[in-house]
Amino acid sequence: MKWFSRTLALAVLVLVPMSAFAQKVNTDFDPSAPFAKYKTYAWAEGTKSPNPLGEDRIHAAVEARLAMAGFTKATGTPDVFIATHAVGKEEKEVITTGFDYGYGYYRHGGGMGGMSTSTVNTYTVGTLVLDMYDASTKKLVWRGTGSDTMSDKAEKNAKKVDKALQKMFKEYPPAPPKSKP
């Protein structure tokens, strides 16, 4: 019976989609944008978090990352405008555990049944998009996107936002494109 419990535990791990638990972060940018000249920012309207406290946490985390990247908040006309978009989407996953065995066709009198159980788990995937627009051209020059499962605990979500922003700004400013000989 020990092998059965180990096999069952392994089957549960294999059947649970790992992508639901892994944070995904991507960035994209305009290679012609003068990133070295961007030093000041101001906020632009984005898609607010459904939780006003969460929105405040997101803005504070973004401002901290911008400061680490050498930005200061503009007192006049900024070099770039920053907008955040925070959305959540409910996802469902079906997890089936147990075993089944048999032979033949049920309608023709053959077959033996095993036991299996299916459950539906519902979770929310939160996505944070950080947009940077050149203030003089109003053109989008940089975008960071991070997605992860959301927690019921605000402090866990704040840590996930910080981790996503850290990954987004890891290679900021983006390296200029390499010239071809």
N, C-alpha and C. Protein backbone atom coordinates (compact mmCIF):
# COMPACT_ATOMS: atom_id res chain seq x y z
N MET A 1 0.82 -1.20 0.00
CA MET A 1 0.00 0.00 0.00
C MET A 1 0.86 1.26 0.00
N LYS A 2 2.09 1.16 0.46
CA LYS A 2 2.97 2.31 0.49
C LYS A 2 3.20 2.85 -0.93
N TRP A 3 3.39 1.93 -1.88
CA TRP A 3 3.60 2.34 -3.27
C TRP A 3 2.38 3.08 -3.80
N PHE A 4 1.18 2.68 -3.36
CA PHE A 4 -0.05 3.33 -3.83
C PHE A 4 -0.11 4.78 -3.37
N SER A 5 0.21 5.03 -2.10
CA SER A 5 0.14 6.40 -1.60
C SER A 5 1.21 7.28 -2.27
N ARG A 6 2.38 6.71 -2.52
CA ARG A 6 3.42 7.47 -3.22
C ARG A 6 3.00 7.77 -4.66
N THR A 7 2.42 6.76 -5.32
CA THR A 7 1.96 6.94 -6.69
C THR A 7 0.86 7.98 -6.75
N LEU A 8 -0.06 7.94 -5.81
CA LEU A 8 -1.14 8.90 -5.76
C LEU A 8 -0.60 10.31 -5.54
N ALA A 9 0.34 10.46 -4.62
CA ALA A 9 0.92 11.78 -4.36
C ALA A 9 1.64 12.30 -5.60
N LEU A 10 2.37 11.44 -6.30
CA LEU A 10 3.05 11.84 -7.51
C LEU A 10 2.04 12.23 -8.60
N ALA A 11 0.97 11.48 -8.71
CA ALA A 11 -0.05 11.79 -9.72
C ALA A 11 -0.69 13.15 -9.45
N VAL A 12 -0.93 13.47 -8.19
CA VAL A 12 -1.51 14.77 -7.85
C VAL A 12 -0.55 15.88 -8.26
N LEU A 13 0.73 15.72 -8.00
CA LEU A 13 1.71 16.74 -8.38
C LEU A 13 1.78 16.93 -9.88
N VAL A 14 1.70 15.84 -10.61
CA VAL A 14 1.79 15.93 -12.06
C VAL A 14 0.53 16.56 -12.65
N LEU A 15 -0.60 16.28 -12.05
CA LEU A 15 -1.86 16.78 -12.60
C LEU A 15 -2.13 18.24 -12.30
N VAL A 16 -1.52 18.78 -11.25
CA VAL A 16 -1.73 20.18 -10.91
C VAL A 16 -0.91 21.03 -11.87
N PRO A 17 -1.54 21.92 -12.61
CA PRO A 17 -0.78 22.73 -13.56
C PRO A 17 0.19 23.67 -12.85
N MET A 18 1.46 23.52 -13.12
CA MET A 18 2.46 24.33 -12.45
C MET A 18 2.42 25.78 -12.93
N SER A 19 1.91 26.02 -14.13
CA SER A 19 1.86 27.39 -14.61
C SER A 19 0.97 28.27 -13.76
N ALA A 20 0.03 27.66 -13.06
CA ALA A 20 -0.86 28.45 -12.20
C ALA A 20 -0.10 29.01 -11.00
N PHE A 21 1.07 28.47 -10.70
CA PHE A 21 1.79 28.89 -9.51
C PHE A 21 3.09 29.63 -9.83
N ALA A 22 3.41 29.81 -11.08
CA ALA A 22 4.67 30.46 -11.44
C ALA A 22 4.41 31.89 -11.91
N GLN A 23 5.19 32.81 -11.35
CA GLN A 23 5.05 34.21 -11.76
C GLN A 23 5.66 34.37 -13.15
N LYS A 24 4.94 35.09 -14.00
CA LYS A 24 5.41 35.34 -15.36
C LYS A 24 5.63 36.84 -15.52
N VAL A 25 6.81 37.22 -15.97
CA VAL A 25 7.15 38.63 -16.16
C VAL A 25 7.80 38.79 -17.53
N ASN A 26 7.35 39.81 -18.26
CA ASN A 26 7.91 40.13 -19.57
C ASN A 26 8.08 41.64 -19.69
N THR A 27 9.02 42.04 -20.51
CA THR A 27 9.17 43.46 -20.84
C THR A 27 9.31 43.60 -22.35
N ASP A 28 8.95 44.77 -22.83
CA ASP A 28 9.11 45.10 -24.23
C ASP A 28 9.43 46.59 -24.30
N PHE A 29 10.11 47.00 -25.35
CA PHE A 29 10.50 48.41 -25.44
C PHE A 29 10.70 48.83 -26.89
N ASP A 30 10.70 50.13 -27.09
CA ASP A 30 10.99 50.73 -28.39
C ASP A 30 12.50 50.93 -28.45
N PRO A 31 13.19 50.23 -29.33
CA PRO A 31 14.65 50.35 -29.39
C PRO A 31 15.15 51.74 -29.81
N SER A 32 14.27 52.55 -30.39
CA SER A 32 14.71 53.87 -30.81
C SER A 32 14.50 54.94 -29.73
N ALA A 33 13.91 54.56 -28.60
CA ALA A 33 13.65 55.53 -27.53
C ALA A 33 14.95 55.93 -26.83
N PRO A 34 15.08 57.21 -26.45
CA PRO A 34 16.31 57.70 -25.80
C PRO A 34 16.28 57.45 -24.28
N PHE A 35 16.38 56.21 -23.85
CA PHE A 35 16.25 55.86 -22.44
C PHE A 35 17.26 56.58 -21.55
N ALA A 36 18.44 56.86 -22.04
CA ALA A 36 19.46 57.54 -21.24
C ALA A 36 19.03 58.95 -20.86
N LYS A 37 18.12 59.54 -21.61
CA LYS A 37 17.66 60.91 -21.34
C LYS A 37 16.48 60.95 -20.36
N TYR A 38 15.88 59.82 -20.09
CA TYR A 38 14.72 59.80 -19.19
C TYR A 38 15.18 59.81 -17.74
N LYS A 39 14.86 60.90 -17.05
CA LYS A 39 15.27 61.05 -15.64
C LYS A 39 14.11 61.42 -14.71
N THR A 40 13.04 61.99 -15.26
CA THR A 40 11.92 62.42 -14.42
C THR A 40 10.63 61.76 -14.92
N TYR A 41 9.68 61.59 -13.99
CA TYR A 41 8.41 60.96 -14.35
C TYR A 41 7.25 61.66 -13.65
N ALA A 42 6.07 61.43 -14.20
CA ALA A 42 4.81 61.83 -13.58
C ALA A 42 3.81 60.71 -13.87
N TRP A 43 2.80 60.63 -13.03
CA TRP A 43 1.80 59.58 -13.19
C TRP A 43 0.78 59.96 -14.24
N ALA A 44 0.35 58.97 -15.01
CA ALA A 44 -0.75 59.11 -15.97
C ALA A 44 -1.86 58.15 -15.53
N GLU A 45 -3.04 58.39 -16.02
CA GLU A 45 -4.18 57.53 -15.66
C GLU A 45 -4.00 56.14 -16.26
N GLY A 46 -4.23 55.13 -15.44
CA GLY A 46 -4.16 53.74 -15.88
C GLY A 46 -5.44 53.02 -15.51
N THR A 47 -5.35 51.73 -15.31
CA THR A 47 -6.48 50.92 -14.85
C THR A 47 -6.25 50.63 -13.37
N LYS A 48 -7.06 51.24 -12.54
CA LYS A 48 -6.84 51.13 -11.10
C LYS A 48 -7.18 49.75 -10.57
N SER A 49 -6.45 49.38 -9.53
CA SER A 49 -6.74 48.14 -8.82
C SER A 49 -8.12 48.24 -8.21
N PRO A 50 -8.87 47.14 -8.15
CA PRO A 50 -10.19 47.18 -7.52
C PRO A 50 -10.11 47.55 -6.03
N ASN A 51 -8.94 47.36 -5.44
CA ASN A 51 -8.72 47.69 -4.03
C ASN A 51 -7.89 48.97 -3.96
N PRO A 52 -8.47 50.08 -3.48
CA PRO A 52 -7.72 51.34 -3.39
C PRO A 52 -6.44 51.22 -2.57
N LEU A 53 -6.44 50.41 -1.53
CA LEU A 53 -5.22 50.20 -0.74
C LEU A 53 -4.17 49.47 -1.57
N GLY A 54 -4.61 48.52 -2.38
CA GLY A 54 -3.70 47.81 -3.28
C GLY A 54 -3.11 48.75 -4.31
N GLU A 55 -3.93 49.69 -4.79
CA GLU A 55 -3.44 50.68 -5.76
C GLU A 55 -2.34 51.54 -5.14
N ASP A 56 -2.54 51.95 -3.90
CA ASP A 56 -1.52 52.74 -3.20
C ASP A 56 -0.23 51.95 -3.05
N ARG A 57 -0.35 50.66 -2.73
CA ARG A 57 0.84 49.82 -2.57
C ARG A 57 1.58 49.66 -3.90
N ILE A 58 0.81 49.49 -4.98
CA ILE A 58 1.42 49.35 -6.30
C ILE A 58 2.19 50.61 -6.66
N HIS A 59 1.56 51.78 -6.46
CA HIS A 59 2.24 53.04 -6.80
C HIS A 59 3.49 53.24 -5.95
N ALA A 60 3.42 52.92 -4.68
CA ALA A 60 4.60 53.06 -3.81
C ALA A 60 5.73 52.14 -4.28
N ALA A 61 5.38 50.90 -4.66
CA ALA A 61 6.39 49.95 -5.12
C ALA A 61 7.01 50.41 -6.44
N VAL A 62 6.18 50.93 -7.35
CA VAL A 62 6.68 51.43 -8.63
C VAL A 62 7.60 52.62 -8.40
N GLU A 63 7.19 53.55 -7.53
CA GLU A 63 8.03 54.71 -7.25
C GLU A 63 9.38 54.30 -6.67
N ALA A 64 9.38 53.29 -5.80
CA ALA A 64 10.65 52.81 -5.23
C ALA A 64 11.55 52.24 -6.33
N ARG A 65 10.98 51.47 -7.25
CA ARG A 65 11.77 50.90 -8.35
C ARG A 65 12.27 51.98 -9.31
N LEU A 66 11.41 52.97 -9.57
CA LEU A 66 11.84 54.07 -10.44
C LEU A 66 13.01 54.83 -9.80
N ALA A 67 12.95 55.03 -8.50
CA ALA A 67 14.05 55.71 -7.80
C ALA A 67 15.34 54.90 -7.93
N MET A 68 15.24 53.58 -7.80
CA MET A 68 16.42 52.72 -7.95
C MET A 68 16.98 52.80 -9.36
N ALA A 69 16.11 53.07 -10.33
CA ALA A 69 16.54 53.17 -11.73
C ALA A 69 17.02 54.57 -12.09
N GLY A 70 17.07 55.48 -11.09
CA GLY A 70 17.60 56.82 -11.31
C GLY A 70 16.56 57.89 -11.64
N PHE A 71 15.29 57.58 -11.47
CA PHE A 71 14.23 58.56 -11.75
C PHE A 71 13.89 59.37 -10.51
N THR A 72 13.43 60.60 -10.75
CA THR A 72 12.85 61.42 -9.69
C THR A 72 11.49 61.89 -10.18
N LYS A 73 10.61 62.17 -9.24
CA LYS A 73 9.28 62.65 -9.59
C LYS A 73 9.41 64.09 -10.10
N ALA A 74 8.79 64.36 -11.22
CA ALA A 74 8.91 65.67 -11.86
C ALA A 74 8.16 66.74 -11.08
N THR A 75 8.76 67.92 -11.01
CA THR A 75 8.07 69.08 -10.44
C THR A 75 7.49 69.93 -11.56
N GLY A 76 7.99 69.73 -12.76
CA GLY A 76 7.47 70.43 -13.94
C GLY A 76 7.08 69.40 -14.99
N THR A 77 7.49 69.64 -16.20
CA THR A 77 7.21 68.70 -17.29
C THR A 77 8.13 67.49 -17.15
N PRO A 78 7.55 66.28 -17.11
CA PRO A 78 8.38 65.08 -16.94
C PRO A 78 8.99 64.62 -18.27
N ASP A 79 9.95 63.74 -18.16
CA ASP A 79 10.50 63.09 -19.34
C ASP A 79 9.58 61.96 -19.81
N VAL A 80 8.99 61.26 -18.82
CA VAL A 80 8.09 60.15 -19.14
C VAL A 80 6.85 60.20 -18.25
N PHE A 81 5.79 59.61 -18.76
CA PHE A 81 4.59 59.38 -17.96
C PHE A 81 4.53 57.89 -17.65
N ILE A 82 4.12 57.58 -16.43
CA ILE A 82 4.00 56.20 -15.98
C ILE A 82 2.53 55.90 -15.72
N ALA A 83 2.07 54.77 -16.23
CA ALA A 83 0.70 54.32 -15.97
C ALA A 83 0.74 52.86 -15.56
N THR A 84 -0.07 52.49 -14.58
CA THR A 84 -0.18 51.09 -14.19
C THR A 84 -1.59 50.61 -14.50
N HIS A 85 -1.68 49.35 -14.81
CA HIS A 85 -2.96 48.70 -15.08
C HIS A 85 -2.97 47.42 -14.23
N ALA A 86 -3.92 47.32 -13.31
CA ALA A 86 -4.01 46.16 -12.43
C ALA A 86 -5.36 45.49 -12.65
N VAL A 87 -5.32 44.24 -13.07
CA VAL A 87 -6.56 43.50 -13.32
C VAL A 87 -6.44 42.10 -12.74
N GLY A 88 -7.57 41.53 -12.43
CA GLY A 88 -7.63 40.16 -11.94
C GLY A 88 -8.59 39.36 -12.78
N LYS A 89 -8.28 38.08 -12.96
CA LYS A 89 -9.14 37.19 -13.73
C LYS A 89 -9.28 35.88 -12.99
N GLU A 90 -10.52 35.45 -12.81
CA GLU A 90 -10.77 34.19 -12.12
C GLU A 90 -10.49 33.04 -13.07
N GLU A 91 -9.75 32.06 -12.58
CA GLU A 91 -9.41 30.87 -13.34
C GLU A 91 -9.90 29.64 -12.58
N LYS A 92 -10.13 28.56 -13.31
CA LYS A 92 -10.55 27.30 -12.69
C LYS A 92 -9.64 26.20 -13.19
N GLU A 93 -9.39 25.23 -12.31
CA GLU A 93 -8.63 24.05 -12.70
C GLU A 93 -9.32 22.84 -12.12
N VAL A 94 -9.31 21.76 -12.86
CA VAL A 94 -9.90 20.50 -12.41
C VAL A 94 -8.76 19.59 -12.02
N ILE A 95 -8.84 19.06 -10.81
CA ILE A 95 -7.82 18.13 -10.32
C ILE A 95 -8.51 16.80 -10.09
N THR A 96 -8.00 15.77 -10.75
CA THR A 96 -8.53 14.43 -10.59
C THR A 96 -7.49 13.59 -9.90
N THR A 97 -7.90 12.94 -8.83
CA THR A 97 -7.00 12.06 -8.09
C THR A 97 -7.63 10.68 -8.03
N GLY A 98 -6.83 9.70 -7.83
CA GLY A 98 -7.33 8.33 -7.72
C GLY A 98 -6.82 7.50 -8.86
N PHE A 99 -7.53 6.41 -9.12
CA PHE A 99 -7.10 5.50 -10.16
C PHE A 99 -8.33 4.91 -10.83
N ASP A 100 -8.14 4.34 -11.99
CA ASP A 100 -9.20 3.66 -12.71
C ASP A 100 -8.56 2.52 -13.47
N TYR A 101 -9.24 1.44 -13.56
CA TYR A 101 -8.73 0.30 -14.31
C TYR A 101 -9.92 -0.40 -14.92
N GLY A 102 -9.70 -1.21 -15.87
CA GLY A 102 -10.81 -1.94 -16.46
C GLY A 102 -10.47 -2.48 -17.82
N TYR A 103 -11.47 -3.13 -18.39
CA TYR A 103 -11.32 -3.69 -19.72
C TYR A 103 -12.69 -3.71 -20.35
N GLY A 104 -12.73 -3.83 -21.64
CA GLY A 104 -13.99 -3.97 -22.35
C GLY A 104 -14.80 -2.70 -22.36
N TYR A 105 -16.04 -2.84 -22.73
CA TYR A 105 -16.95 -1.72 -22.81
C TYR A 105 -18.01 -1.87 -21.74
N TYR A 106 -18.34 -0.79 -21.10
CA TYR A 106 -19.29 -0.79 -20.01
C TYR A 106 -20.64 -1.36 -20.46
N ARG A 107 -21.12 -0.95 -21.62
CA ARG A 107 -22.44 -1.39 -22.09
C ARG A 107 -22.48 -2.87 -22.43
N HIS A 108 -21.37 -3.45 -22.68
CA HIS A 108 -21.35 -4.85 -23.08
C HIS A 108 -21.02 -5.77 -21.92
N GLY A 109 -21.16 -5.31 -20.75
CA GLY A 109 -21.01 -6.17 -19.58
C GLY A 109 -19.60 -6.34 -19.08
N GLY A 110 -18.62 -5.80 -19.74
CA GLY A 110 -17.24 -5.95 -19.29
C GLY A 110 -16.80 -4.74 -18.48
N GLY A 111 -15.66 -4.84 -17.90
CA GLY A 111 -15.06 -3.70 -17.23
C GLY A 111 -15.20 -3.74 -15.73
N MET A 112 -14.23 -3.18 -15.12
CA MET A 112 -14.23 -3.04 -13.67
C MET A 112 -13.93 -1.59 -13.38
N GLY A 113 -14.52 -1.05 -12.39
CA GLY A 113 -14.33 0.37 -12.08
C GLY A 113 -13.40 0.59 -10.92
N GLY A 114 -12.67 1.66 -10.97
CA GLY A 114 -11.80 2.07 -9.88
C GLY A 114 -12.42 3.27 -9.20
N MET A 115 -11.63 3.94 -8.43
CA MET A 115 -12.13 5.12 -7.74
C MET A 115 -11.30 6.32 -8.15
N SER A 116 -11.97 7.39 -8.49
CA SER A 116 -11.28 8.64 -8.73
C SER A 116 -12.19 9.77 -8.28
N THR A 117 -11.58 10.87 -7.92
CA THR A 117 -12.31 12.03 -7.45
C THR A 117 -11.81 13.26 -8.18
N SER A 118 -12.74 14.08 -8.62
CA SER A 118 -12.37 15.33 -9.27
C SER A 118 -12.86 16.50 -8.45
N THR A 119 -12.02 17.51 -8.34
CA THR A 119 -12.42 18.74 -7.65
C THR A 119 -12.07 19.92 -8.55
N VAL A 120 -12.83 20.98 -8.39
CA VAL A 120 -12.58 22.20 -9.15
C VAL A 120 -12.06 23.26 -8.19
N ASN A 121 -10.87 23.75 -8.48
CA ASN A 121 -10.29 24.83 -7.68
C ASN A 121 -10.44 26.13 -8.46
N THR A 122 -10.83 27.17 -7.76
CA THR A 122 -10.95 28.49 -8.36
C THR A 122 -9.90 29.39 -7.73
N TYR A 123 -9.20 30.13 -8.56
CA TYR A 123 -8.18 31.06 -8.08
C TYR A 123 -8.19 32.29 -8.97
N THR A 124 -7.57 33.35 -8.51
CA THR A 124 -7.52 34.59 -9.28
C THR A 124 -6.09 34.85 -9.72
N VAL A 125 -5.94 35.13 -11.00
CA VAL A 125 -4.64 35.52 -11.54
C VAL A 125 -4.66 37.04 -11.67
N GLY A 126 -3.71 37.67 -11.00
CA GLY A 126 -3.58 39.12 -11.08
C GLY A 126 -2.51 39.48 -12.10
N THR A 127 -2.78 40.52 -12.88
CA THR A 127 -1.82 41.00 -13.86
C THR A 127 -1.55 42.48 -13.62
N LEU A 128 -0.29 42.82 -13.54
CA LEU A 128 0.14 44.20 -13.40
C LEU A 128 0.89 44.59 -14.67
N VAL A 129 0.44 45.66 -15.30
CA VAL A 129 1.11 46.19 -16.49
C VAL A 129 1.63 47.57 -16.12
N LEU A 130 2.89 47.82 -16.41
CA LEU A 130 3.53 49.10 -16.16
C LEU A 130 3.94 49.69 -17.50
N ASP A 131 3.33 50.81 -17.86
CA ASP A 131 3.62 51.47 -19.13
C ASP A 131 4.42 52.74 -18.90
N MET A 132 5.37 52.99 -19.80
CA MET A 132 6.18 54.21 -19.77
C MET A 132 6.03 54.90 -21.13
N TYR A 133 5.54 56.14 -21.10
CA TYR A 133 5.32 56.91 -22.32
C TYR A 133 6.30 58.08 -22.36
N ASP A 134 6.88 58.32 -23.52
CA ASP A 134 7.71 59.50 -23.73
C ASP A 134 6.79 60.71 -23.64
N ALA A 135 7.09 61.66 -22.76
CA ALA A 135 6.22 62.81 -22.53
C ALA A 135 6.13 63.73 -23.75
N SER A 136 7.21 63.83 -24.51
CA SER A 136 7.17 64.76 -25.65
C SER A 136 6.44 64.18 -26.85
N THR A 137 6.53 62.87 -27.06
CA THR A 137 5.89 62.25 -28.22
C THR A 137 4.57 61.56 -27.87
N LYS A 138 4.34 61.33 -26.57
CA LYS A 138 3.16 60.59 -26.06
C LYS A 138 3.16 59.13 -26.57
N LYS A 139 4.30 58.65 -26.97
CA LYS A 139 4.45 57.30 -27.51
C LYS A 139 4.88 56.32 -26.42
N LEU A 140 4.28 55.13 -26.42
CA LEU A 140 4.69 54.08 -25.50
C LEU A 140 6.11 53.65 -25.85
N VAL A 141 7.01 53.70 -24.85
CA VAL A 141 8.41 53.34 -25.11
C VAL A 141 8.86 52.10 -24.34
N TRP A 142 8.13 51.75 -23.27
CA TRP A 142 8.53 50.59 -22.47
C TRP A 142 7.30 50.02 -21.78
N ARG A 143 7.22 48.70 -21.72
CA ARG A 143 6.11 48.04 -21.03
C ARG A 143 6.63 46.84 -20.27
N GLY A 144 6.23 46.74 -19.01
CA GLY A 144 6.51 45.57 -18.19
C GLY A 144 5.19 44.93 -17.82
N THR A 145 5.13 43.60 -17.89
CA THR A 145 3.91 42.87 -17.55
C THR A 145 4.27 41.73 -16.61
N GLY A 146 3.52 41.61 -15.51
CA GLY A 146 3.72 40.52 -14.57
C GLY A 146 2.39 39.91 -14.18
N SER A 147 2.34 38.58 -14.14
CA SER A 147 1.13 37.85 -13.75
C SER A 147 1.48 36.81 -12.71
N ASP A 148 0.57 36.64 -11.77
CA ASP A 148 0.77 35.64 -10.71
C ASP A 148 -0.58 35.37 -10.06
N THR A 149 -0.67 34.25 -9.36
CA THR A 149 -1.88 33.98 -8.60
C THR A 149 -1.95 34.96 -7.44
N MET A 150 -3.14 35.41 -7.15
CA MET A 150 -3.32 36.37 -6.05
C MET A 150 -3.62 35.62 -4.76
N SER A 151 -3.23 36.23 -3.68
CA SER A 151 -3.47 35.69 -2.35
C SER A 151 -4.60 36.47 -1.69
N ASP A 152 -5.16 35.87 -0.65
CA ASP A 152 -6.15 36.58 0.16
C ASP A 152 -5.46 37.55 1.12
N LYS A 153 -4.15 37.46 1.21
CA LYS A 153 -3.39 38.28 2.15
C LYS A 153 -2.68 39.42 1.42
N ALA A 154 -2.94 40.64 1.84
CA ALA A 154 -2.39 41.83 1.18
C ALA A 154 -0.87 41.83 1.20
N GLU A 155 -0.25 41.41 2.30
CA GLU A 155 1.21 41.44 2.36
C GLU A 155 1.85 40.46 1.37
N LYS A 156 1.20 39.33 1.10
CA LYS A 156 1.72 38.39 0.10
C LYS A 156 1.62 38.99 -1.30
N ASN A 157 0.51 39.65 -1.58
CA ASN A 157 0.35 40.29 -2.89
C ASN A 157 1.37 41.41 -3.07
N ALA A 158 1.64 42.16 -2.01
CA ALA A 158 2.65 43.23 -2.08
C ALA A 158 4.02 42.64 -2.40
N LYS A 159 4.35 41.50 -1.81
CA LYS A 159 5.64 40.86 -2.10
C LYS A 159 5.70 40.38 -3.55
N LYS A 160 4.56 39.89 -4.07
CA LYS A 160 4.52 39.45 -5.46
C LYS A 160 4.70 40.64 -6.41
N VAL A 161 4.10 41.77 -6.07
CA VAL A 161 4.27 42.98 -6.88
C VAL A 161 5.73 43.41 -6.87
N ASP A 162 6.35 43.43 -5.68
CA ASP A 162 7.77 43.80 -5.58
C ASP A 162 8.65 42.88 -6.41
N LYS A 163 8.37 41.59 -6.33
CA LYS A 163 9.16 40.60 -7.08
C LYS A 163 9.00 40.82 -8.59
N ALA A 164 7.77 41.07 -9.03
CA ALA A 164 7.52 41.31 -10.46
C ALA A 164 8.25 42.58 -10.93
N LEU A 165 8.17 43.64 -10.13
CA LEU A 165 8.84 44.89 -10.50
C LEU A 165 10.35 44.72 -10.53
N GLN A 166 10.88 43.95 -9.59
CA GLN A 166 12.32 43.68 -9.58
C GLN A 166 12.73 43.00 -10.89
N LYS A 167 11.94 42.02 -11.32
CA LYS A 167 12.24 41.33 -12.58
C LYS A 167 12.09 42.27 -13.77
N MET A 168 11.06 43.12 -13.75
CA MET A 168 10.85 44.06 -14.86
C MET A 168 12.02 45.01 -15.01
N PHE A 169 12.51 45.54 -13.89
CA PHE A 169 13.57 46.55 -13.93
C PHE A 169 14.96 45.95 -13.92
N LYS A 170 15.06 44.64 -13.95
CA LYS A 170 16.37 43.99 -13.91
C LYS A 170 17.27 44.48 -15.05
N GLU A 171 16.70 44.67 -16.22
CA GLU A 171 17.50 45.10 -17.37
C GLU A 171 17.03 46.47 -17.86
N TYR A 172 16.71 47.35 -16.92
CA TYR A 172 16.36 48.72 -17.30
C TYR A 172 17.53 49.64 -16.97
N PRO A 173 17.92 50.54 -17.84
CA PRO A 173 17.35 50.75 -19.16
C PRO A 173 17.74 49.63 -20.10
N PRO A 174 16.87 49.36 -21.09
CA PRO A 174 17.20 48.29 -22.03
C PRO A 174 18.45 48.64 -22.83
N ALA A 175 19.18 47.62 -23.18
CA ALA A 175 20.41 47.82 -23.96
C ALA A 175 20.03 48.26 -25.37
N PRO A 176 20.78 49.23 -25.90
CA PRO A 176 20.50 49.65 -27.28
C PRO A 176 20.74 48.48 -28.23
N PRO A 177 20.03 48.46 -29.35
CA PRO A 177 20.23 47.36 -30.29
C PRO A 177 21.66 47.35 -30.81
N LYS A 178 22.16 46.17 -31.03
CA LYS A 178 23.52 46.03 -31.57
C LYS A 178 23.49 46.34 -33.05
N SER A 179 24.46 47.14 -33.48
CA SER A 179 24.52 47.48 -34.90
C SER A 179 25.11 46.32 -35.67
N LYS A 180 24.58 46.12 -36.87
CA LYS A 180 25.06 45.04 -37.71
C LYS A 180 26.17 45.56 -38.63
N PRO A 181 27.23 44.77 -38.78
CA PRO A 181 28.35 45.22 -39.62
C PRO A 181 28.01 45.24 -41.09
